[in-house]
Amino acid sequence: MVTSQDVTINFRGYGDIVIPKGTRLTNQTACGIDKSIHFVNEYGWIKTNYPELRYLLLHDAVHYGIDIPKEFVQFV
């Protein structure tokens, strides 16, 4: 699964962040697989697009997860 387009999400007090088109996603949660959840599973764009926030944003993205709405998910 990947994002079908650039997706703007208001994430955990960082304001609006943009997840680029083609970012890989996963259904893996802490409790197993949940097909209704589409977490970001690729983070290189954070360092490139948000260098001033990269460490904090990366930490929160990995530990809390950025859930992408189903309408922006492309199954490949």
PDB file of N, CA and C in Angstrom:
ATOM      1  N   MET A   1       0.846  -1.178   0.000  1.00  0.00           N
ATOM      2  CA  MET A   1       0.000   0.000   0.000  1.00  0.00           C
ATOM      3  C   MET A   1       0.885   1.232   0.000  1.00  0.00           C
ATOM      4  N   VAL A   2       0.421   2.250  -0.682  1.00  0.00           N
ATOM      5  CA  VAL A   2       1.103   3.542  -0.728  1.00  0.00           C
ATOM      6  C   VAL A   2       0.053   4.651  -0.729  1.00  0.00           C
ATOM      7  N   THR A   3       0.499   5.863  -0.465  1.00  0.00           N
ATOM      8  CA  THR A   3      -0.410   7.001  -0.573  1.00  0.00           C
ATOM      9  C   THR A   3      -0.647   7.293  -2.056  1.00  0.00           C
ATOM     10  N   SER A   4      -1.896   7.580  -2.401  1.00  0.00           N
ATOM     11  CA  SER A   4      -2.266   7.799  -3.802  1.00  0.00           C
ATOM     12  C   SER A   4      -1.993   9.230  -4.265  1.00  0.00           C
ATOM     13  N   GLN A   5      -1.758  10.128  -3.330  1.00  0.00           N
ATOM     14  CA  GLN A   5      -1.469  11.528  -3.620  1.00  0.00           C
ATOM     15  C   GLN A   5      -0.814  12.125  -2.386  1.00  0.00           C
ATOM     16  N   ASP A   6      -0.335  13.360  -2.486  1.00  0.00           N
ATOM     17  CA  ASP A   6       0.149  14.051  -1.295  1.00  0.00           C
ATOM     18  C   ASP A   6      -1.021  14.177  -0.320  1.00  0.00           C
ATOM     19  N   VAL A   7      -0.768  13.882   0.961  1.00  0.00           N
ATOM     20  CA  VAL A   7      -1.835  13.921   1.968  1.00  0.00           C
ATOM     21  C   VAL A   7      -1.424  14.896   3.070  1.00  0.00           C
ATOM     22  N   THR A   8      -2.294  15.867   3.350  1.00  0.00           N
ATOM     23  CA  THR A   8      -2.047  16.826   4.420  1.00  0.00           C
ATOM     24  C   THR A   8      -2.792  16.365   5.665  1.00  0.00           C
ATOM     25  N   ILE A   9      -2.045  16.202   6.759  1.00  0.00           N
ATOM     26  CA  ILE A   9      -2.594  15.722   8.022  1.00  0.00           C
ATOM     27  C   ILE A   9      -2.191  16.705   9.125  1.00  0.00           C
ATOM     28  N   ASN A  10      -3.118  17.039  10.013  1.00  0.00           N
ATOM     29  CA  ASN A  10      -2.784  17.799  11.206  1.00  0.00           C
ATOM     30  C   ASN A  10      -2.361  16.777  12.254  1.00  0.00           C
ATOM     31  N   PHE A  11      -1.076  16.754  12.581  1.00  0.00           N
ATOM     32  CA  PHE A  11      -0.514  15.675  13.383  1.00  0.00           C
ATOM     33  C   PHE A  11       0.052  16.179  14.702  1.00  0.00           C
ATOM     34  N   ARG A  12      -0.538  15.759  15.806  1.00  0.00           N
ATOM     35  CA  ARG A  12      -0.023  15.912  17.163  1.00  0.00           C
ATOM     36  C   ARG A  12       0.574  17.278  17.500  1.00  0.00           C
ATOM     37  N   GLY A  13      -0.047  18.336  17.111  1.00  0.00           N
ATOM     38  CA  GLY A  13       0.429  19.656  17.483  1.00  0.00           C
ATOM     39  C   GLY A  13       1.527  20.223  16.592  1.00  0.00           C
ATOM     40  N   TYR A  14       1.951  19.467  15.589  1.00  0.00           N
ATOM     41  CA  TYR A  14       2.938  19.979  14.638  1.00  0.00           C
ATOM     42  C   TYR A  14       2.286  20.868  13.595  1.00  0.00           C
ATOM     43  N   GLY A  15       0.970  20.883  13.568  1.00  0.00           N
ATOM     44  CA  GLY A  15       0.251  21.593  12.513  1.00  0.00           C
ATOM     45  C   GLY A  15       0.111  20.666  11.318  1.00  0.00           C
ATOM     46  N   ASP A  16      -0.144  21.247  10.174  1.00  0.00           N
ATOM     47  CA  ASP A  16      -0.322  20.452   8.963  1.00  0.00           C
ATOM     48  C   ASP A  16       1.030  19.969   8.450  1.00  0.00           C
ATOM     49  N   ILE A  17       1.128  18.650   8.260  1.00  0.00           N
ATOM     50  CA  ILE A  17       2.300  18.067   7.614  1.00  0.00           C
ATOM     51  C   ILE A  17       1.819  17.377   6.347  1.00  0.00           C
ATOM     52  N   VAL A  18       2.680  17.312   5.355  1.00  0.00           N
ATOM     53  CA  VAL A  18       2.324  16.715   4.070  1.00  0.00           C
ATOM     54  C   VAL A  18       3.088  15.413   3.903  1.00  0.00           C
ATOM     55  N   ILE A  19       2.342  14.314   3.760  1.00  0.00           N
ATOM     56  CA  ILE A  19       2.924  13.009   3.486  1.00  0.00           C
ATOM     57  C   ILE A  19       2.946  12.868   1.967  1.00  0.00           C
ATOM     58  N   PRO A  20       4.116  12.670   1.372  1.00  0.00           N
ATOM     59  CA  PRO A  20       4.223  12.651  -0.096  1.00  0.00           C
ATOM     60  C   PRO A  20       3.518  11.456  -0.749  1.00  0.00           C
ATOM     61  N   LYS A  21       3.080  11.689  -1.970  1.00  0.00           N
ATOM     62  CA  LYS A  21       2.497  10.622  -2.792  1.00  0.00           C
ATOM     63  C   LYS A  21       3.516   9.491  -2.914  1.00  0.00           C
ATOM     64  N   GLY A  22       3.026   8.244  -2.793  1.00  0.00           N
ATOM     65  CA  GLY A  22       3.886   7.075  -2.944  1.00  0.00           C
ATOM     66  C   GLY A  22       4.543   6.591  -1.663  1.00  0.00           C
ATOM     67  N   THR A  23       4.250   7.240  -0.527  1.00  0.00           N
ATOM     68  CA  THR A  23       4.814   6.811   0.759  1.00  0.00           C
ATOM     69  C   THR A  23       4.219   5.460   1.145  1.00  0.00           C
ATOM     70  N   ARG A  24       5.087   4.527   1.533  1.00  0.00           N
ATOM     71  CA  ARG A  24       4.621   3.193   1.910  1.00  0.00           C
ATOM     72  C   ARG A  24       3.831   3.217   3.212  1.00  0.00           C
ATOM     73  N   LEU A  25       2.814   2.346   3.275  1.00  0.00           N
ATOM     74  CA  LEU A  25       1.922   2.244   4.422  1.00  0.00           C
ATOM     75  C   LEU A  25       1.885   0.805   4.922  1.00  0.00           C
ATOM     76  N   THR A  26       1.416   0.622   6.156  1.00  0.00           N
ATOM     77  CA  THR A  26       1.286  -0.709   6.738  1.00  0.00           C
ATOM     78  C   THR A  26       0.008  -0.792   7.569  1.00  0.00           C
ATOM     79  N   ASN A  27      -0.504  -2.011   7.731  1.00  0.00           N
ATOM     80  CA  ASN A  27      -1.646  -2.270   8.611  1.00  0.00           C
ATOM     81  C   ASN A  27      -1.185  -2.767   9.980  1.00  0.00           C
ATOM     82  N   GLN A  28       0.123  -2.844  10.189  1.00  0.00           N
ATOM     83  CA  GLN A  28       0.673  -3.366  11.444  1.00  0.00           C
ATOM     84  C   GLN A  28       0.442  -2.373  12.579  1.00  0.00           C
ATOM     85  N   THR A  29      -0.111  -2.862  13.680  1.00  0.00           N
ATOM     86  CA  THR A  29      -0.279  -2.069  14.898  1.00  0.00           C
ATOM     87  C   THR A  29       0.466  -2.773  16.024  1.00  0.00           C
ATOM     88  N   ALA A  30       0.470  -2.185  17.194  1.00  0.00           N
ATOM     89  CA  ALA A  30       1.119  -2.811  18.349  1.00  0.00           C
ATOM     90  C   ALA A  30       0.436  -4.120  18.742  1.00  0.00           C
ATOM     91  N   CYS A  31      -0.827  -4.258  18.366  1.00  0.00           N
ATOM     92  CA  CYS A  31      -1.597  -5.450  18.735  1.00  0.00           C
ATOM     93  C   CYS A  31      -1.774  -6.430  17.579  1.00  0.00           C
ATOM     94  N   GLY A  32      -1.139  -6.184  16.453  1.00  0.00           N
ATOM     95  CA  GLY A  32      -1.264  -7.069  15.299  1.00  0.00           C
ATOM     96  C   GLY A  32      -1.724  -6.301  14.074  1.00  0.00           C
ATOM     97  N   ILE A  33      -2.269  -7.037  13.118  1.00  0.00           N
ATOM     98  CA  ILE A  33      -2.740  -6.457  11.859  1.00  0.00           C
ATOM     99  C   ILE A  33      -4.172  -5.951  12.027  1.00  0.00           C
ATOM    100  N   ASP A  34      -4.419  -4.730  11.565  1.00  0.00           N
ATOM    101  CA  ASP A  34      -5.767  -4.153  11.559  1.00  0.00           C
ATOM    102  C   ASP A  34      -5.969  -3.518  10.189  1.00  0.00           C
ATOM    103  N   LYS A  35      -6.798  -4.143   9.362  1.00  0.00           N
ATOM    104  CA  LYS A  35      -7.000  -3.705   7.974  1.00  0.00           C
ATOM    105  C   LYS A  35      -7.672  -2.332   7.867  1.00  0.00           C
ATOM    106  N   SER A  36      -8.205  -1.802   8.964  1.00  0.00           N
ATOM    107  CA  SER A  36      -8.844  -0.487   8.916  1.00  0.00           C
ATOM    108  C   SER A  36      -7.866   0.655   9.205  1.00  0.00           C
ATOM    109  N   ILE A  37      -6.614   0.313   9.519  1.00  0.00           N
ATOM    110  CA  ILE A  37      -5.595   1.311   9.837  1.00  0.00           C
ATOM    111  C   ILE A  37      -4.519   1.288   8.766  1.00  0.00           C
ATOM    112  N   HIS A  38      -4.087   2.457   8.347  1.00  0.00           N
ATOM    113  CA  HIS A  38      -3.080   2.584   7.293  1.00  0.00           C
ATOM    114  C   HIS A  38      -1.980   3.525   7.781  1.00  0.00           C
ATOM    115  N   PHE A  39      -1.058   2.973   8.570  1.00  0.00           N
ATOM    116  CA  PHE A  39       0.014   3.773   9.153  1.00  0.00           C
ATOM    117  C   PHE A  39       1.139   4.007   8.148  1.00  0.00           C
ATOM    118  N   VAL A  40       1.717   5.209   8.202  1.00  0.00           N
ATOM    119  CA  VAL A  40       2.915   5.518   7.426  1.00  0.00           C
ATOM    120  C   VAL A  40       4.019   4.557   7.876  1.00  0.00           C
ATOM    121  N   ASN A  41       4.739   3.990   6.903  1.00  0.00           N
ATOM    122  CA  ASN A  41       5.787   3.016   7.205  1.00  0.00           C
ATOM    123  C   ASN A  41       7.096   3.373   6.502  1.00  0.00           C
ATOM    124  N   GLU A  42       7.264   4.615   6.134  1.00  0.00           N
ATOM    125  CA  GLU A  42       8.458   5.103   5.445  1.00  0.00           C
ATOM    126  C   GLU A  42       8.657   6.548   5.895  1.00  0.00           C
ATOM    127  N   TYR A  43       9.868   6.882   6.320  1.00  0.00           N
ATOM    128  CA  TYR A  43      10.049   8.152   7.018  1.00  0.00           C
ATOM    129  C   TYR A  43      11.126   9.068   6.444  1.00  0.00           C
ATOM    130  N   GLY A  44      11.761   8.720   5.354  1.00  0.00           N
ATOM    131  CA  GLY A  44      12.825   9.542   4.775  1.00  0.00           C
ATOM    132  C   GLY A  44      12.380  10.952   4.428  1.00  0.00           C
ATOM    133  N   TRP A  45      11.125  11.133   4.088  1.00  0.00           N
ATOM    134  CA  TRP A  45      10.582  12.435   3.724  1.00  0.00           C
ATOM    135  C   TRP A  45      10.606  13.410   4.892  1.00  0.00           C
ATOM    136  N   ILE A  46      10.615  12.910   6.122  1.00  0.00           N
ATOM    137  CA  ILE A  46      10.622  13.801   7.288  1.00  0.00           C
ATOM    138  C   ILE A  46      11.927  14.596   7.336  1.00  0.00           C
ATOM    139  N   LYS A  47      13.054  13.912   7.168  1.00  0.00           N
ATOM    140  CA  LYS A  47      14.353  14.586   7.197  1.00  0.00           C
ATOM    141  C   LYS A  47      14.456  15.615   6.073  1.00  0.00           C
ATOM    142  N   THR A  48      13.939  15.271   4.907  1.00  0.00           N
ATOM    143  CA  THR A  48      14.015  16.158   3.740  1.00  0.00           C
ATOM    144  C   THR A  48      13.083  17.359   3.855  1.00  0.00           C
ATOM    145  N   ASN A  49      11.830  17.113   4.234  1.00  0.00           N
ATOM    146  CA  ASN A  49      10.813  18.161   4.206  1.00  0.00           C
ATOM    147  C   ASN A  49      10.674  18.946   5.504  1.00  0.00           C
ATOM    148  N   TYR A  50      11.118  18.351   6.627  1.00  0.00           N
ATOM    149  CA  TYR A  50      10.964  18.997   7.940  1.00  0.00           C
ATOM    150  C   TYR A  50      12.264  18.904   8.736  1.00  0.00           C
ATOM    151  N   PRO A  51      13.370  19.456   8.202  1.00  0.00           N
ATOM    152  CA  PRO A  51      14.670  19.284   8.862  1.00  0.00           C
ATOM    153  C   PRO A  51      14.722  19.862  10.276  1.00  0.00           C
ATOM    154  N   GLU A  52      13.996  20.944  10.535  1.00  0.00           N
ATOM    155  CA  GLU A  52      14.028  21.548  11.864  1.00  0.00           C
ATOM    156  C   GLU A  52      13.248  20.741  12.900  1.00  0.00           C
ATOM    157  N   LEU A  53      12.347  19.884  12.446  1.00  0.00           N
ATOM    158  CA  LEU A  53      11.531  19.056  13.343  1.00  0.00           C
ATOM    159  C   LEU A  53      11.883  17.574  13.259  1.00  0.00           C
ATOM    160  N   ARG A  54      12.889  17.217  12.470  1.00  0.00           N
ATOM    161  CA  ARG A  54      13.081  15.825  12.081  1.00  0.00           C
ATOM    162  C   ARG A  54      13.156  14.848  13.242  1.00  0.00           C
ATOM    163  N   TYR A  55      13.841  15.174  14.316  1.00  0.00           N
ATOM    164  CA  TYR A  55      13.994  14.200  15.404  1.00  0.00           C
ATOM    165  C   TYR A  55      12.692  14.004  16.183  1.00  0.00           C
ATOM    166  N   LEU A  56      12.036  15.093  16.528  1.00  0.00           N
ATOM    167  CA  LEU A  56      10.781  14.987  17.276  1.00  0.00           C
ATOM    168  C   LEU A  56       9.669  14.392  16.414  1.00  0.00           C
ATOM    169  N   LEU A  57       9.555  14.870  15.187  1.00  0.00           N
ATOM    170  CA  LEU A  57       8.511  14.380  14.295  1.00  0.00           C
ATOM    171  C   LEU A  57       8.728  12.908  13.960  1.00  0.00           C
ATOM    172  N   LEU A  58       9.948  12.511  13.709  1.00  0.00           N
ATOM    173  CA  LEU A  58      10.233  11.109  13.434  1.00  0.00           C
ATOM    174  C   LEU A  58       9.889  10.244  14.636  1.00  0.00           C
ATOM    175  N   HIS A  59      10.253  10.673  15.826  1.00  0.00           N
ATOM    176  CA  HIS A  59       9.929   9.920  17.037  1.00  0.00           C
ATOM    177  C   HIS A  59       8.420   9.709  17.147  1.00  0.00           C
ATOM    178  N   ASP A  60       7.653  10.780  17.022  1.00  0.00           N
ATOM    179  CA  ASP A  60       6.204  10.674  17.172  1.00  0.00           C
ATOM    180  C   ASP A  60       5.570   9.870  16.044  1.00  0.00           C
ATOM    181  N   ALA A  61       6.072  10.022  14.828  1.00  0.00           N
ATOM    182  CA  ALA A  61       5.537   9.250  13.699  1.00  0.00           C
ATOM    183  C   ALA A  61       5.747   7.753  13.920  1.00  0.00           C
ATOM    184  N   VAL A  62       6.910   7.377  14.416  1.00  0.00           N
ATOM    185  CA  VAL A  62       7.211   5.962  14.652  1.00  0.00           C
ATOM    186  C   VAL A  62       6.428   5.424  15.844  1.00  0.00           C
ATOM    187  N   HIS A  63       6.381   6.166  16.942  1.00  0.00           N
ATOM    188  CA  HIS A  63       5.790   5.655  18.177  1.00  0.00           C
ATOM    189  C   HIS A  63       4.273   5.819  18.272  1.00  0.00           C
ATOM    190  N   TYR A  64       3.726   6.853  17.653  1.00  0.00           N
ATOM    191  CA  TYR A  64       2.278   7.069  17.701  1.00  0.00           C
ATOM    192  C   TYR A  64       1.596   6.703  16.393  1.00  0.00           C
ATOM    193  N   GLY A  65       2.313   6.760  15.303  1.00  0.00           N
ATOM    194  CA  GLY A  65       1.765   6.419  13.998  1.00  0.00           C
ATOM    195  C   GLY A  65       0.984   7.556  13.367  1.00  0.00           C
ATOM    196  N   ILE A  66       1.148   7.689  12.060  1.00  0.00           N
ATOM    197  CA  ILE A  66       0.365   8.644  11.276  1.00  0.00           C
ATOM    198  C   ILE A  66      -0.605   7.806  10.453  1.00  0.00           C
ATOM    199  N   ASP A  67      -1.875   7.879  10.802  1.00  0.00           N
ATOM    200  CA  ASP A  67      -2.912   7.083  10.131  1.00  0.00           C
ATOM    201  C   ASP A  67      -3.444   7.855   8.927  1.00  0.00           C
ATOM    202  N   ILE A  68      -3.320   7.252   7.754  1.00  0.00           N
ATOM    203  CA  ILE A  68      -3.780   7.864   6.502  1.00  0.00           C
ATOM    204  C   ILE A  68      -5.215   7.408   6.224  1.00  0.00           C
ATOM    205  N   PRO A  69      -6.136   8.352   5.957  1.00  0.00           N
ATOM    206  CA  PRO A  69      -7.498   7.969   5.618  1.00  0.00           C
ATOM    207  C   PRO A  69      -7.557   7.054   4.375  1.00  0.00           C
ATOM    208  N   LYS A  70      -8.491   6.128   4.395  1.00  0.00           N
ATOM    209  CA  LYS A  70      -8.602   5.111   3.345  1.00  0.00           C
ATOM    210  C   LYS A  70      -8.726   5.704   1.945  1.00  0.00           C
ATOM    211  N   GLU A  71      -9.358   6.858   1.818  1.00  0.00           N
ATOM    212  CA  GLU A  71      -9.540   7.441   0.482  1.00  0.00           C
ATOM    213  C   GLU A  71      -8.229   7.880  -0.162  1.00  0.00           C
ATOM    214  N   PHE A  72      -7.152   7.913   0.616  1.00  0.00           N
ATOM    215  CA  PHE A  72      -5.829   8.288   0.079  1.00  0.00           C
ATOM    216  C   PHE A  72      -4.887   7.093  -0.020  1.00  0.00           C
ATOM    217  N   VAL A  73      -5.429   5.890   0.093  1.00  0.00           N
ATOM    218  CA  VAL A  73      -4.617   4.669   0.052  1.00  0.00           C
ATOM    219  C   VAL A  73      -4.767   3.998  -1.302  1.00  0.00           C
ATOM    220  N   GLN A  74      -3.644   3.643  -1.885  1.00  0.00           N
ATOM    221  CA  GLN A  74      -3.618   2.906  -3.153  1.00  0.00           C
ATOM    222  C   GLN A  74      -3.031   1.527  -2.862  1.00  0.00           C
ATOM    223  N   PHE A  75      -3.748   0.490  -3.217  1.00  0.00           N
ATOM    224  CA  PHE A  75      -3.276  -0.875  -2.999  1.00  0.00           C
ATOM    225  C   PHE A  75      -2.510  -1.317  -4.234  1.00  0.00           C
ATOM    226  N   VAL A  76      -1.219  -1.607  -4.063  1.00  0.00           N
ATOM    227  CA  VAL A  76      -0.368  -2.022  -5.189  1.00  0.00           C
ATOM    228  C   VAL A  76       0.140  -3.420  -4.992  1.00  0.00           C
TER     229      VAL A  76
END
